N, C-alpha and C. Protein backbone atom coordinates (compact mmCIF):
# COMPACT_ATOMS: atom_id res chain seq x y z
N GLN A 1 -13.98 36.46 71.35
CA GLN A 1 -14.94 35.40 71.53
C GLN A 1 -15.65 35.60 72.86
N LYS A 2 -16.97 35.53 72.85
CA LYS A 2 -17.76 35.71 74.07
C LYS A 2 -17.71 34.44 74.92
N PRO A 3 -17.72 34.60 76.24
CA PRO A 3 -17.74 33.42 77.10
C PRO A 3 -19.08 32.70 76.99
N HIS A 4 -19.04 31.40 77.22
CA HIS A 4 -20.26 30.61 77.20
C HIS A 4 -20.82 30.57 78.61
N VAL A 5 -21.96 31.22 78.81
CA VAL A 5 -22.57 31.29 80.13
C VAL A 5 -23.87 30.52 80.11
N SER A 6 -24.07 29.69 81.11
CA SER A 6 -25.31 28.93 81.21
C SER A 6 -26.01 29.33 82.50
N PHE A 7 -27.04 30.16 82.39
CA PHE A 7 -27.80 30.56 83.57
C PHE A 7 -29.04 29.66 83.69
N THR A 8 -29.31 29.21 84.88
CA THR A 8 -30.47 28.36 85.11
C THR A 8 -31.24 28.87 86.31
N ARG A 9 -32.46 28.43 86.43
CA ARG A 9 -33.30 28.84 87.55
C ARG A 9 -33.90 27.57 88.16
N PRO A 10 -34.01 27.52 89.48
CA PRO A 10 -34.56 26.30 90.11
C PRO A 10 -35.95 25.98 89.58
N ARG A 11 -36.25 24.70 89.47
CA ARG A 11 -37.58 24.26 88.99
C ARG A 11 -38.67 24.82 89.90
N GLY A 12 -39.74 25.28 89.26
CA GLY A 12 -40.87 25.79 90.02
C GLY A 12 -40.72 27.23 90.45
N ASP A 13 -39.61 27.85 90.11
CA ASP A 13 -39.38 29.24 90.50
C ASP A 13 -39.92 30.15 89.39
N ASP A 14 -41.05 30.79 89.64
CA ASP A 14 -41.66 31.67 88.65
C ASP A 14 -41.35 33.14 88.91
N ASP A 15 -40.44 33.40 89.83
CA ASP A 15 -40.07 34.77 90.17
C ASP A 15 -39.38 35.43 88.98
N PRO A 16 -39.90 36.56 88.48
CA PRO A 16 -39.31 37.21 87.30
C PRO A 16 -38.03 38.00 87.58
N VAL A 17 -37.48 37.86 88.78
CA VAL A 17 -36.28 38.63 89.14
C VAL A 17 -35.10 38.28 88.25
N GLY A 18 -35.04 37.06 87.77
CA GLY A 18 -33.93 36.65 86.92
C GLY A 18 -33.31 35.38 87.42
N PRO A 19 -32.25 34.93 86.76
CA PRO A 19 -31.63 33.66 87.13
C PRO A 19 -30.97 33.75 88.51
N THR A 20 -30.88 32.61 89.18
CA THR A 20 -30.27 32.56 90.50
C THR A 20 -29.00 31.72 90.52
N THR A 21 -28.74 30.98 89.44
CA THR A 21 -27.54 30.15 89.38
C THR A 21 -26.84 30.32 88.03
N PHE A 22 -25.58 29.92 87.99
CA PHE A 22 -24.82 29.94 86.74
C PHE A 22 -23.98 28.68 86.67
N ALA A 23 -23.30 28.47 85.54
CA ALA A 23 -22.51 27.26 85.35
C ALA A 23 -21.11 27.61 84.87
N LEU A 24 -20.16 26.74 85.19
CA LEU A 24 -18.78 26.86 84.72
C LEU A 24 -18.48 25.69 83.81
N ALA A 25 -17.90 25.95 82.64
CA ALA A 25 -17.45 24.90 81.74
C ALA A 25 -15.93 24.82 81.81
N ILE A 26 -15.41 23.64 82.15
CA ILE A 26 -13.96 23.42 82.16
C ILE A 26 -13.63 22.66 80.88
N ASP A 27 -12.96 23.32 79.96
CA ASP A 27 -12.59 22.74 78.68
C ASP A 27 -11.17 22.18 78.82
N ASN A 28 -11.07 20.89 79.10
CA ASN A 28 -9.78 20.26 79.38
C ASN A 28 -9.11 19.84 78.08
N ARG A 29 -8.14 20.62 77.64
CA ARG A 29 -7.47 20.38 76.36
C ARG A 29 -6.12 19.65 76.51
N VAL A 30 -5.79 19.25 77.70
CA VAL A 30 -4.50 18.58 77.93
C VAL A 30 -4.69 17.07 77.96
N ALA A 31 -3.58 16.33 77.94
CA ALA A 31 -3.62 14.87 77.87
C ALA A 31 -3.89 14.21 79.21
N THR A 32 -4.03 15.00 80.26
CA THR A 32 -4.22 14.47 81.60
C THR A 32 -5.65 14.73 82.08
N SER A 33 -6.26 13.75 82.71
CA SER A 33 -7.55 13.94 83.36
C SER A 33 -7.30 14.41 84.79
N TYR A 34 -8.23 15.19 85.31
CA TYR A 34 -8.05 15.76 86.64
C TYR A 34 -9.29 15.59 87.50
N ASP A 35 -9.07 15.44 88.81
CA ASP A 35 -10.16 15.58 89.76
C ASP A 35 -10.42 17.07 89.94
N VAL A 36 -11.68 17.44 90.13
CA VAL A 36 -12.07 18.84 90.28
C VAL A 36 -12.47 19.07 91.74
N TYR A 37 -11.83 20.05 92.35
CA TYR A 37 -12.13 20.43 93.74
C TYR A 37 -12.68 21.85 93.76
N ARG A 38 -13.59 22.11 94.72
CA ARG A 38 -14.22 23.43 94.82
C ARG A 38 -14.27 23.88 96.27
N ALA A 39 -14.15 25.22 96.46
CA ALA A 39 -14.32 25.84 97.77
C ALA A 39 -14.94 27.23 97.56
N THR A 40 -15.53 27.77 98.61
CA THR A 40 -16.06 29.12 98.53
C THR A 40 -15.15 30.12 99.21
N VAL A 41 -14.04 29.63 99.77
CA VAL A 41 -13.00 30.47 100.38
C VAL A 41 -11.68 30.03 99.75
N ALA A 42 -10.84 30.99 99.36
CA ALA A 42 -9.60 30.66 98.64
C ALA A 42 -8.69 29.70 99.40
N SER A 43 -8.72 29.77 100.73
CA SER A 43 -7.86 28.91 101.54
C SER A 43 -8.50 27.55 101.83
N GLY A 44 -9.72 27.33 101.36
CA GLY A 44 -10.39 26.05 101.56
C GLY A 44 -11.29 26.08 102.78
N PRO A 45 -11.82 24.94 103.14
CA PRO A 45 -11.48 23.61 102.64
C PRO A 45 -12.06 23.34 101.25
N PHE A 46 -11.35 22.52 100.48
CA PHE A 46 -11.77 22.14 99.14
C PHE A 46 -12.43 20.76 99.19
N THR A 47 -13.50 20.63 98.40
CA THR A 47 -14.24 19.38 98.31
C THR A 47 -14.21 18.88 96.88
N LYS A 48 -13.97 17.59 96.70
CA LYS A 48 -13.98 17.02 95.35
C LYS A 48 -15.41 17.03 94.82
N VAL A 49 -15.58 17.61 93.61
CA VAL A 49 -16.92 17.72 93.03
C VAL A 49 -17.05 16.99 91.69
N GLY A 50 -15.97 16.43 91.18
CA GLY A 50 -16.08 15.73 89.91
C GLY A 50 -14.73 15.38 89.32
N HIS A 51 -14.76 14.99 88.02
CA HIS A 51 -13.56 14.56 87.31
C HIS A 51 -13.62 15.10 85.88
N ALA A 52 -12.62 15.85 85.48
CA ALA A 52 -12.56 16.43 84.13
C ALA A 52 -11.67 15.54 83.26
N LEU A 53 -12.29 14.83 82.32
CA LEU A 53 -11.56 13.93 81.45
C LEU A 53 -10.74 14.70 80.41
N SER A 54 -9.64 14.12 79.99
CA SER A 54 -8.81 14.71 78.95
C SER A 54 -9.60 14.88 77.66
N GLY A 55 -9.46 16.06 77.04
CA GLY A 55 -10.10 16.31 75.76
C GLY A 55 -11.61 16.51 75.82
N MET A 56 -12.16 16.68 77.01
CA MET A 56 -13.61 16.82 77.16
C MET A 56 -13.93 18.13 77.88
N THR A 57 -15.19 18.55 77.80
CA THR A 57 -15.66 19.71 78.54
C THR A 57 -16.48 19.20 79.72
N TYR A 58 -16.14 19.66 80.91
CA TYR A 58 -16.83 19.26 82.14
C TYR A 58 -17.62 20.45 82.65
N TRP A 59 -18.91 20.27 82.88
CA TRP A 59 -19.79 21.35 83.34
C TRP A 59 -20.03 21.24 84.83
N ILE A 60 -19.97 22.38 85.50
CA ILE A 60 -20.36 22.47 86.91
C ILE A 60 -21.55 23.42 86.94
N ARG A 61 -22.70 22.89 87.27
CA ARG A 61 -23.94 23.67 87.26
C ARG A 61 -24.40 23.96 88.68
N GLY A 62 -25.34 24.88 88.81
CA GLY A 62 -25.93 25.16 90.12
C GLY A 62 -25.10 26.06 91.00
N LEU A 63 -24.17 26.82 90.41
CA LEU A 63 -23.37 27.76 91.20
C LEU A 63 -24.21 29.01 91.46
N GLU A 64 -24.24 29.48 92.69
CA GLU A 64 -25.11 30.59 93.06
C GLU A 64 -24.54 31.93 92.61
N ILE A 65 -25.40 32.72 91.98
CA ILE A 65 -25.00 34.07 91.57
C ILE A 65 -24.68 34.88 92.81
N GLY A 66 -23.59 35.62 92.76
CA GLY A 66 -23.16 36.43 93.89
C GLY A 66 -22.11 35.76 94.77
N THR A 67 -21.82 34.49 94.50
CA THR A 67 -20.81 33.75 95.26
C THR A 67 -19.58 33.55 94.38
N THR A 68 -18.40 33.73 94.95
CA THR A 68 -17.15 33.43 94.25
C THR A 68 -16.74 32.02 94.62
N TYR A 69 -16.40 31.23 93.61
CA TYR A 69 -15.97 29.85 93.81
C TYR A 69 -14.51 29.70 93.40
N HIS A 70 -13.80 28.86 94.13
CA HIS A 70 -12.38 28.60 93.87
C HIS A 70 -12.26 27.13 93.48
N PHE A 71 -11.65 26.90 92.31
CA PHE A 71 -11.52 25.55 91.79
C PHE A 71 -10.06 25.16 91.65
N ARG A 72 -9.79 23.89 91.86
CA ARG A 72 -8.47 23.33 91.64
C ARG A 72 -8.61 22.06 90.81
N LEU A 73 -7.69 21.89 89.84
CA LEU A 73 -7.61 20.66 89.07
C LEU A 73 -6.41 19.89 89.58
N VAL A 74 -6.66 18.65 90.00
CA VAL A 74 -5.68 17.85 90.72
C VAL A 74 -5.54 16.48 90.05
N PRO A 75 -4.30 15.99 89.86
CA PRO A 75 -4.16 14.61 89.36
C PRO A 75 -4.89 13.65 90.30
N PRO A 76 -5.56 12.64 89.75
CA PRO A 76 -6.32 11.71 90.59
C PRO A 76 -5.49 11.13 91.73
N GLY A 77 -6.08 11.15 92.92
CA GLY A 77 -5.44 10.59 94.10
C GLY A 77 -4.46 11.50 94.81
N SER A 78 -4.28 12.74 94.33
CA SER A 78 -3.29 13.64 94.91
C SER A 78 -3.82 14.50 96.04
N GLY A 79 -5.12 14.64 96.18
CA GLY A 79 -5.69 15.51 97.21
C GLY A 79 -5.67 16.96 96.76
N ALA A 80 -6.47 17.79 97.38
CA ALA A 80 -6.69 19.18 96.95
C ALA A 80 -5.43 20.02 96.89
N ASN A 81 -4.44 19.74 97.74
CA ASN A 81 -3.23 20.57 97.76
C ASN A 81 -2.21 20.19 96.69
N GLY A 82 -2.45 19.10 95.96
CA GLY A 82 -1.54 18.69 94.89
C GLY A 82 -1.98 19.21 93.54
N TYR A 83 -2.60 20.36 93.51
CA TYR A 83 -3.20 20.87 92.27
C TYR A 83 -2.17 21.34 91.25
N HIS A 84 -2.56 21.21 89.97
CA HIS A 84 -1.77 21.71 88.85
C HIS A 84 -2.32 23.03 88.33
N PHE A 85 -3.64 23.22 88.45
CA PHE A 85 -4.29 24.44 87.98
C PHE A 85 -5.25 24.93 89.06
N GLU A 86 -5.37 26.26 89.15
CA GLU A 86 -6.29 26.86 90.11
C GLU A 86 -6.95 28.08 89.48
N ARG A 87 -8.24 28.28 89.78
CA ARG A 87 -8.94 29.42 89.21
C ARG A 87 -10.14 29.78 90.08
N SER A 88 -10.41 31.07 90.19
CA SER A 88 -11.59 31.56 90.89
C SER A 88 -12.58 32.09 89.87
N VAL A 89 -13.86 31.82 90.08
CA VAL A 89 -14.89 32.29 89.16
C VAL A 89 -16.08 32.83 89.94
N ALA A 90 -16.78 33.79 89.34
CA ALA A 90 -18.01 34.35 89.90
C ALA A 90 -18.91 34.71 88.74
N SER A 91 -20.19 34.86 89.02
CA SER A 91 -21.15 35.18 87.96
C SER A 91 -20.87 36.54 87.34
N SER A 92 -20.22 37.42 88.08
CA SER A 92 -19.93 38.75 87.56
C SER A 92 -18.60 38.81 86.81
N GLY A 93 -17.89 37.68 86.77
CA GLY A 93 -16.59 37.65 86.12
C GLY A 93 -16.71 37.68 84.61
N PRO A 94 -15.60 37.99 83.91
CA PRO A 94 -15.64 38.11 82.46
C PRO A 94 -15.69 36.78 81.73
N ASP A 95 -15.39 35.68 82.41
CA ASP A 95 -15.24 34.42 81.70
C ASP A 95 -15.61 33.26 82.62
N VAL A 96 -16.63 32.52 82.25
CA VAL A 96 -16.97 31.32 83.01
C VAL A 96 -16.70 30.05 82.20
N VAL A 97 -15.81 30.18 81.21
CA VAL A 97 -15.28 29.02 80.50
C VAL A 97 -13.80 28.96 80.82
N TRP A 98 -13.37 27.88 81.42
CA TRP A 98 -11.97 27.72 81.82
C TRP A 98 -11.31 26.78 80.82
N ALA A 99 -10.48 27.31 79.94
CA ALA A 99 -9.76 26.49 78.96
C ALA A 99 -8.44 26.07 79.59
N VAL A 100 -8.30 24.78 79.84
CA VAL A 100 -7.08 24.23 80.45
C VAL A 100 -6.18 23.75 79.32
N GLU A 101 -5.03 24.43 79.16
CA GLU A 101 -4.14 24.14 78.04
C GLU A 101 -2.74 23.88 78.54
């Protein structure tokens, strides 16, 4: 199965070079909802960027091509270091769909 990749380009950008951003889909298949934290360095600091509901797909858009992002899924109220799942993604990676099972 091919990964689902969503490439976007900033509004008003007519440069034919190609897309400048990509998106990550977090497919949360577990019974727990999680806060989503992101950092551009594996050791942090991590910033809360959203909430992935149980049984839903949560999209993170506007990620810059060429940057590696580190994500953590954390039970609500636990803070970035109380994570249950962790994953790094980049536009050059094989999979930008994170299936949480």
